[in-house]
């Protein structure tokens, strides 16, 4: 039953509404850059991003400081963030939930809450064992020299304040963000 539900949910999820300008973001965690794309064309590149202290890959639990690989959307925008602006991602995704459920990291009710949120085009629960509040943000009052020296976030993608201000003119809720 769970497998059938997963297949149906993923089918519905693929038709979710995206941002109207067809712009999407490709976050390259190895090259430490964000490519702003329109279709397959790169229209801008934001260099020198910072990621989670634990690197990037598969998140195993809240607090692991890993920036998750996967496909997400900007679910909300926090204009009054202590990091200047915060573009909250729809993490955990259905794929994240399926992997976590298969590895007994989350239970069945948590799995269904995550999947249901995506099916209904809502923000998934942010308080699961997988963590939450993953997004793209600026520095706020943080020192830009620290930002350029090492990866410092708890799993987010950080830009300078100038970069996040510029990015805010190009994206909106619903913008697809692919993290690799």
C-alpha atoms as a PDB file:
ATOM      1  CA  UNK A   1       0.000   0.000   0.000  1.00  0.00           C
ATOM      2  CA  UNK A   2       2.787   2.412   0.901  1.00  0.00           C
ATOM      3  CA  UNK A   3       4.525   1.845  -2.462  1.00  0.00           C
ATOM      4  CA  UNK A   4       1.287   2.515  -4.403  1.00  0.00           C
ATOM      5  CA  UNK A   5       0.688   5.688  -2.387  1.00  0.00           C
ATOM      6  CA  UNK A   6       4.261   6.838  -3.139  1.00  0.00           C
ATOM      7  CA  UNK A   7       3.853   6.331  -6.871  1.00  0.00           C
ATOM      8  CA  UNK A   8       0.540   8.196  -6.924  1.00  0.00           C
ATOM      9  CA  UNK A   9       1.920  11.054  -4.843  1.00  0.00           C
ATOM     10  CA  UNK A  10       4.971  11.478  -7.010  1.00  0.00           C
ATOM     11  CA  UNK A  11       2.749  11.663 -10.088  1.00  0.00           C
ATOM     12  CA  UNK A  12       0.694  14.440  -8.533  1.00  0.00           C
ATOM     13  CA  UNK A  13       3.789  16.240  -7.289  1.00  0.00           C
ATOM     14  CA  UNK A  14       5.234  16.512 -10.781  1.00  0.00           C
ATOM     15  CA  UNK A  15       2.377  18.767 -11.877  1.00  0.00           C
ATOM     16  CA  UNK A  16       2.775  21.239  -9.011  1.00  0.00           C
ATOM     17  CA  UNK A  17       2.783  24.919  -9.951  1.00  0.00           C
ATOM     18  CA  UNK A  18       6.172  26.570 -10.452  1.00  0.00           C
ATOM     19  CA  UNK A  19       7.233  30.207 -10.632  1.00  0.00           C
ATOM     20  CA  UNK A  20       5.822  31.965 -13.662  1.00  0.00           C
ATOM     21  CA  UNK A  21       9.072  33.279 -15.176  1.00  0.00           C
ATOM     22  CA  UNK A  22      10.559  29.798 -15.837  1.00  0.00           C
ATOM     23  CA  UNK A  23      13.713  30.727 -13.910  1.00  0.00           C
ATOM     24  CA  UNK A  24      15.209  27.975 -11.784  1.00  0.00           C
ATOM     25  CA  UNK A  25      18.372  27.559  -9.735  1.00  0.00           C
ATOM     26  CA  UNK A  26      21.104  24.950 -10.011  1.00  0.00           C
ATOM     27  CA  UNK A  27      23.198  24.858  -6.850  1.00  0.00           C
ATOM     28  CA  UNK A  28      26.573  23.233  -7.495  1.00  0.00           C
ATOM     29  CA  UNK A  29      27.915  22.372  -4.047  1.00  0.00           C
ATOM     30  CA  UNK A  30      31.293  21.199  -5.379  1.00  0.00           C
ATOM     31  CA  UNK A  31      31.958  24.306  -7.488  1.00  0.00           C
ATOM     32  CA  UNK A  32      30.402  26.503  -4.751  1.00  0.00           C
ATOM     33  CA  UNK A  33      28.144  28.402  -7.132  1.00  0.00           C
ATOM     34  CA  UNK A  34      24.510  28.943  -8.055  1.00  0.00           C
ATOM     35  CA  UNK A  35      23.550  29.072 -11.701  1.00  0.00           C
ATOM     36  CA  UNK A  36      20.394  31.063 -12.415  1.00  0.00           C
ATOM     37  CA  UNK A  37      18.823  29.228 -15.349  1.00  0.00           C
ATOM     38  CA  UNK A  38      16.046  29.914 -17.811  1.00  0.00           C
ATOM     39  CA  UNK A  39      15.313  26.599 -19.432  1.00  0.00           C
ATOM     40  CA  UNK A  40      18.745  25.067 -19.998  1.00  0.00           C
ATOM     41  CA  UNK A  41      20.468  28.435 -20.500  1.00  0.00           C
ATOM     42  CA  UNK A  42      22.515  29.913 -17.650  1.00  0.00           C
ATOM     43  CA  UNK A  43      21.622  33.595 -17.404  1.00  0.00           C
ATOM     44  CA  UNK A  44      23.710  34.404 -14.314  1.00  0.00           C
ATOM     45  CA  UNK A  45      26.160  32.757 -11.960  1.00  0.00           C
ATOM     46  CA  UNK A  46      26.581  33.566  -8.272  1.00  0.00           C
ATOM     47  CA  UNK A  47      30.046  32.503  -7.114  1.00  0.00           C
ATOM     48  CA  UNK A  48      31.565  31.784  -3.704  1.00  0.00           C
ATOM     49  CA  UNK A  49      28.553  30.340  -1.918  1.00  0.00           C
ATOM     50  CA  UNK A  50      28.901  28.617   1.442  1.00  0.00           C
ATOM     51  CA  UNK A  51      27.141  25.381   2.351  1.00  0.00           C
ATOM     52  CA  UNK A  52      26.711  23.284   5.469  1.00  0.00           C
ATOM     53  CA  UNK A  53      29.655  22.593   7.768  1.00  0.00           C
ATOM     54  CA  UNK A  54      29.097  18.872   7.146  1.00  0.00           C
ATOM     55  CA  UNK A  55      29.312  19.240   3.349  1.00  0.00           C
ATOM     56  CA  UNK A  56      26.562  18.226   0.955  1.00  0.00           C
ATOM     57  CA  UNK A  57      24.761  14.958   0.330  1.00  0.00           C
ATOM     58  CA  UNK A  58      22.106  12.844   2.009  1.00  0.00           C
ATOM     59  CA  UNK A  59      20.871  14.321   5.280  1.00  0.00           C
ATOM     60  CA  UNK A  60      20.497  11.647   7.928  1.00  0.00           C
ATOM     61  CA  UNK A  61      19.100  13.685  10.820  1.00  0.00           C
ATOM     62  CA  UNK A  62      18.327  17.113  12.192  1.00  0.00           C
ATOM     63  CA  UNK A  63      21.541  18.886  13.180  1.00  0.00           C
ATOM     64  CA  UNK A  64      23.908  16.971  10.865  1.00  0.00           C
ATOM     65  CA  UNK A  65      24.953  20.271   9.183  1.00  0.00           C
ATOM     66  CA  UNK A  66      24.639  18.701   5.716  1.00  0.00           C
ATOM     67  CA  UNK A  67      23.216  20.599   2.757  1.00  0.00           C
ATOM     68  CA  UNK A  68      20.807  18.140   1.093  1.00  0.00           C
ATOM     69  CA  UNK A  69      21.126  17.096  -2.528  1.00  0.00           C
ATOM     70  CA  UNK A  70      17.801  17.036  -4.352  1.00  0.00           C
ATOM     71  CA  UNK A  71      15.100  18.988  -6.094  1.00  0.00           C
ATOM     72  CA  UNK A  72      13.068  21.493  -4.083  1.00  0.00           C
ATOM     73  CA  UNK A  73      11.080  24.682  -4.547  1.00  0.00           C
ATOM     74  CA  UNK A  74      11.184  27.977  -2.749  1.00  0.00           C
ATOM     75  CA  UNK A  75       8.287  27.491  -0.352  1.00  0.00           C
ATOM     76  CA  UNK A  76       8.421  30.810   1.494  1.00  0.00           C
ATOM     77  CA  UNK A  77      10.455  34.001   1.639  1.00  0.00           C
ATOM     78  CA  UNK A  78      11.484  35.519   4.948  1.00  0.00           C
ATOM     79  CA  UNK A  79      12.191  39.206   4.383  1.00  0.00           C
ATOM     80  CA  UNK A  80      12.951  39.886   8.060  1.00  0.00           C
ATOM     81  CA  UNK A  81      15.461  37.095   8.612  1.00  0.00           C
ATOM     82  CA  UNK A  82      18.546  37.599  10.753  1.00  0.00           C
ATOM     83  CA  UNK A  83      20.331  36.471   7.560  1.00  0.00           C
ATOM     84  CA  UNK A  84      18.880  39.435   5.637  1.00  0.00           C
ATOM     85  CA  UNK A  85      16.581  37.304   3.447  1.00  0.00           C
ATOM     86  CA  UNK A  86      15.697  33.639   3.696  1.00  0.00           C
ATOM     87  CA  UNK A  87      14.331  31.592   0.804  1.00  0.00           C
ATOM     88  CA  UNK A  88      12.913  28.542   2.565  1.00  0.00           C
ATOM     89  CA  UNK A  89      13.066  25.324   0.557  1.00  0.00           C
ATOM     90  CA  UNK A  90      10.448  22.573   0.453  1.00  0.00           C
ATOM     91  CA  UNK A  91      12.783  20.219   2.295  1.00  0.00           C
ATOM     92  CA  UNK A  92      12.232  17.364   3.028  1.00  0.00           C
ATOM     93  CA  UNK A  93      11.084  16.267  -0.418  1.00  0.00           C
ATOM     94  CA  UNK A  94       9.085  13.130  -1.223  1.00  0.00           C
ATOM     95  CA  UNK A  95      12.357  11.498  -2.300  1.00  0.00           C
ATOM     96  CA  UNK A  96      13.982  12.463   1.036  1.00  0.00           C
ATOM     97  CA  UNK A  97      10.991  11.000   2.876  1.00  0.00           C
ATOM     98  CA  UNK A  98      11.089   7.742   0.891  1.00  0.00           C
ATOM     99  CA  UNK A  99      14.799   7.233   1.626  1.00  0.00           C
ATOM    100  CA  UNK A 100      14.384   8.134   5.305  1.00  0.00           C
ATOM    101  CA  UNK A 101      11.402   5.804   5.700  1.00  0.00           C
ATOM    102  CA  UNK A 102      13.285   2.949   4.009  1.00  0.00           C
ATOM    103  CA  UNK A 103      16.191   3.477   6.445  1.00  0.00           C
ATOM    104  CA  UNK A 104      13.851   3.726   9.483  1.00  0.00           C
ATOM    105  CA  UNK A 105      14.816   7.361  10.139  1.00  0.00           C
ATOM    106  CA  UNK A 106      11.188   8.487  10.050  1.00  0.00           C
ATOM    107  CA  UNK A 107       8.016   6.604  10.881  1.00  0.00           C
ATOM    108  CA  UNK A 108       5.026   6.016   8.607  1.00  0.00           C
ATOM    109  CA  UNK A 109       2.899   8.925   9.926  1.00  0.00           C
ATOM    110  CA  UNK A 110       5.815  11.337   9.350  1.00  0.00           C
ATOM    111  CA  UNK A 111       6.303   9.935   5.864  1.00  0.00           C
ATOM    112  CA  UNK A 112       2.623  10.539   5.047  1.00  0.00           C
ATOM    113  CA  UNK A 113       2.714  14.096   6.468  1.00  0.00           C
ATOM    114  CA  UNK A 114       5.657  14.974   4.213  1.00  0.00           C
ATOM    115  CA  UNK A 115       4.106  13.374   1.118  1.00  0.00           C
ATOM    116  CA  UNK A 116       0.704  14.911   1.815  1.00  0.00           C
ATOM    117  CA  UNK A 117       2.229  18.389   2.090  1.00  0.00           C
ATOM    118  CA  UNK A 118       3.853  18.005  -1.330  1.00  0.00           C
ATOM    119  CA  UNK A 119       0.704  16.572  -2.926  1.00  0.00           C
ATOM    120  CA  UNK A 120      -1.233  19.579  -1.624  1.00  0.00           C
ATOM    121  CA  UNK A 121       1.474  22.061  -2.718  1.00  0.00           C
ATOM    122  CA  UNK A 122       2.182  23.023   0.905  1.00  0.00           C
ATOM    123  CA  UNK A 123       5.385  23.431   2.878  1.00  0.00           C
ATOM    124  CA  UNK A 124       6.373  20.036   4.318  1.00  0.00           C
ATOM    125  CA  UNK A 125       6.672  19.704   8.100  1.00  0.00           C
ATOM    126  CA  UNK A 126       9.865  21.354   9.307  1.00  0.00           C
ATOM    127  CA  UNK A 127      10.091  19.511  12.630  1.00  0.00           C
ATOM    128  CA  UNK A 128      10.788  15.931  11.533  1.00  0.00           C
ATOM    129  CA  UNK A 129      13.855  13.851  12.480  1.00  0.00           C
ATOM    130  CA  UNK A 130      15.237  14.902   9.065  1.00  0.00           C
ATOM    131  CA  UNK A 131      15.269  18.525  10.160  1.00  0.00           C
ATOM    132  CA  UNK A 132      13.927  21.535   8.355  1.00  0.00           C
ATOM    133  CA  UNK A 133      14.434  25.239   7.795  1.00  0.00           C
ATOM    134  CA  UNK A 134      16.813  24.546   4.904  1.00  0.00           C
ATOM    135  CA  UNK A 135      17.109  27.460   2.532  1.00  0.00           C
ATOM    136  CA  UNK A 136      19.165  30.044   0.708  1.00  0.00           C
ATOM    137  CA  UNK A 137      20.072  33.114   2.735  1.00  0.00           C
ATOM    138  CA  UNK A 138      22.395  36.073   3.065  1.00  0.00           C
ATOM    139  CA  UNK A 139      24.906  36.917   5.758  1.00  0.00           C
ATOM    140  CA  UNK A 140      22.930  39.431   7.759  1.00  0.00           C
ATOM    141  CA  UNK A 141      25.492  40.926  10.149  1.00  0.00           C
ATOM    142  CA  UNK A 142      27.979  38.070   9.726  1.00  0.00           C
ATOM    143  CA  UNK A 143      31.518  38.789   8.544  1.00  0.00           C
ATOM    144  CA  UNK A 144      31.973  38.346   4.798  1.00  0.00           C
ATOM    145  CA  UNK A 145      35.595  37.251   5.374  1.00  0.00           C
ATOM    146  CA  UNK A 146      34.346  34.251   7.382  1.00  0.00           C
ATOM    147  CA  UNK A 147      31.882  33.464   4.603  1.00  0.00           C
ATOM    148  CA  UNK A 148      34.698  33.323   2.063  1.00  0.00           C
ATOM    149  CA  UNK A 149      36.961  31.244   4.335  1.00  0.00           C
ATOM    150  CA  UNK A 150      34.904  28.122   5.049  1.00  0.00           C
ATOM    151  CA  UNK A 151      31.485  26.455   4.909  1.00  0.00           C
ATOM    152  CA  UNK A 152      29.649  27.655   7.983  1.00  0.00           C
ATOM    153  CA  UNK A 153      25.916  26.978   7.733  1.00  0.00           C
ATOM    154  CA  UNK A 154      23.832  24.291   9.435  1.00  0.00           C
ATOM    155  CA  UNK A 155      22.777  22.917   6.030  1.00  0.00           C
ATOM    156  CA  UNK A 156      21.655  26.019   4.180  1.00  0.00           C
ATOM    157  CA  UNK A 157      23.209  27.754   1.191  1.00  0.00           C
ATOM    158  CA  UNK A 158      24.641  31.160   2.048  1.00  0.00           C
ATOM    159  CA  UNK A 159      25.322  34.116  -0.206  1.00  0.00           C
ATOM    160  CA  UNK A 160      26.612  37.597   0.509  1.00  0.00           C
ATOM    161  CA  UNK A 161      23.980  40.229   1.310  1.00  0.00           C
ATOM    162  CA  UNK A 162      24.464  41.793  -2.134  1.00  0.00           C
ATOM    163  CA  UNK A 163      23.986  38.418  -3.820  1.00  0.00           C
ATOM    164  CA  UNK A 164      20.822  37.570  -1.863  1.00  0.00           C
ATOM    165  CA  UNK A 165      19.365  41.017  -2.618  1.00  0.00           C
ATOM    166  CA  UNK A 166      20.073  40.500  -6.322  1.00  0.00           C
ATOM    167  CA  UNK A 167      18.675  36.963  -6.283  1.00  0.00           C
ATOM    168  CA  UNK A 168      15.461  38.243  -4.697  1.00  0.00           C
ATOM    169  CA  UNK A 169      14.765  40.134  -7.930  1.00  0.00           C
ATOM    170  CA  UNK A 170      14.978  36.916  -9.963  1.00  0.00           C
ATOM    171  CA  UNK A 171      13.099  34.306  -7.912  1.00  0.00           C
ATOM    172  CA  UNK A 172       9.820  33.905  -6.072  1.00  0.00           C
ATOM    173  CA  UNK A 173       7.912  31.225  -4.216  1.00  0.00           C
ATOM    174  CA  UNK A 174       7.589  28.215  -6.475  1.00  0.00           C
ATOM    175  CA  UNK A 175      11.011  28.667  -8.100  1.00  0.00           C
ATOM    176  CA  UNK A 176      12.672  25.254  -8.557  1.00  0.00           C
ATOM    177  CA  UNK A 177      16.020  24.770  -6.793  1.00  0.00           C
ATOM    178  CA  UNK A 178      18.131  21.733  -7.722  1.00  0.00           C
ATOM    179  CA  UNK A 179      21.027  21.017  -5.389  1.00  0.00           C
ATOM    180  CA  UNK A 180      23.806  18.739  -6.623  1.00  0.00           C
END
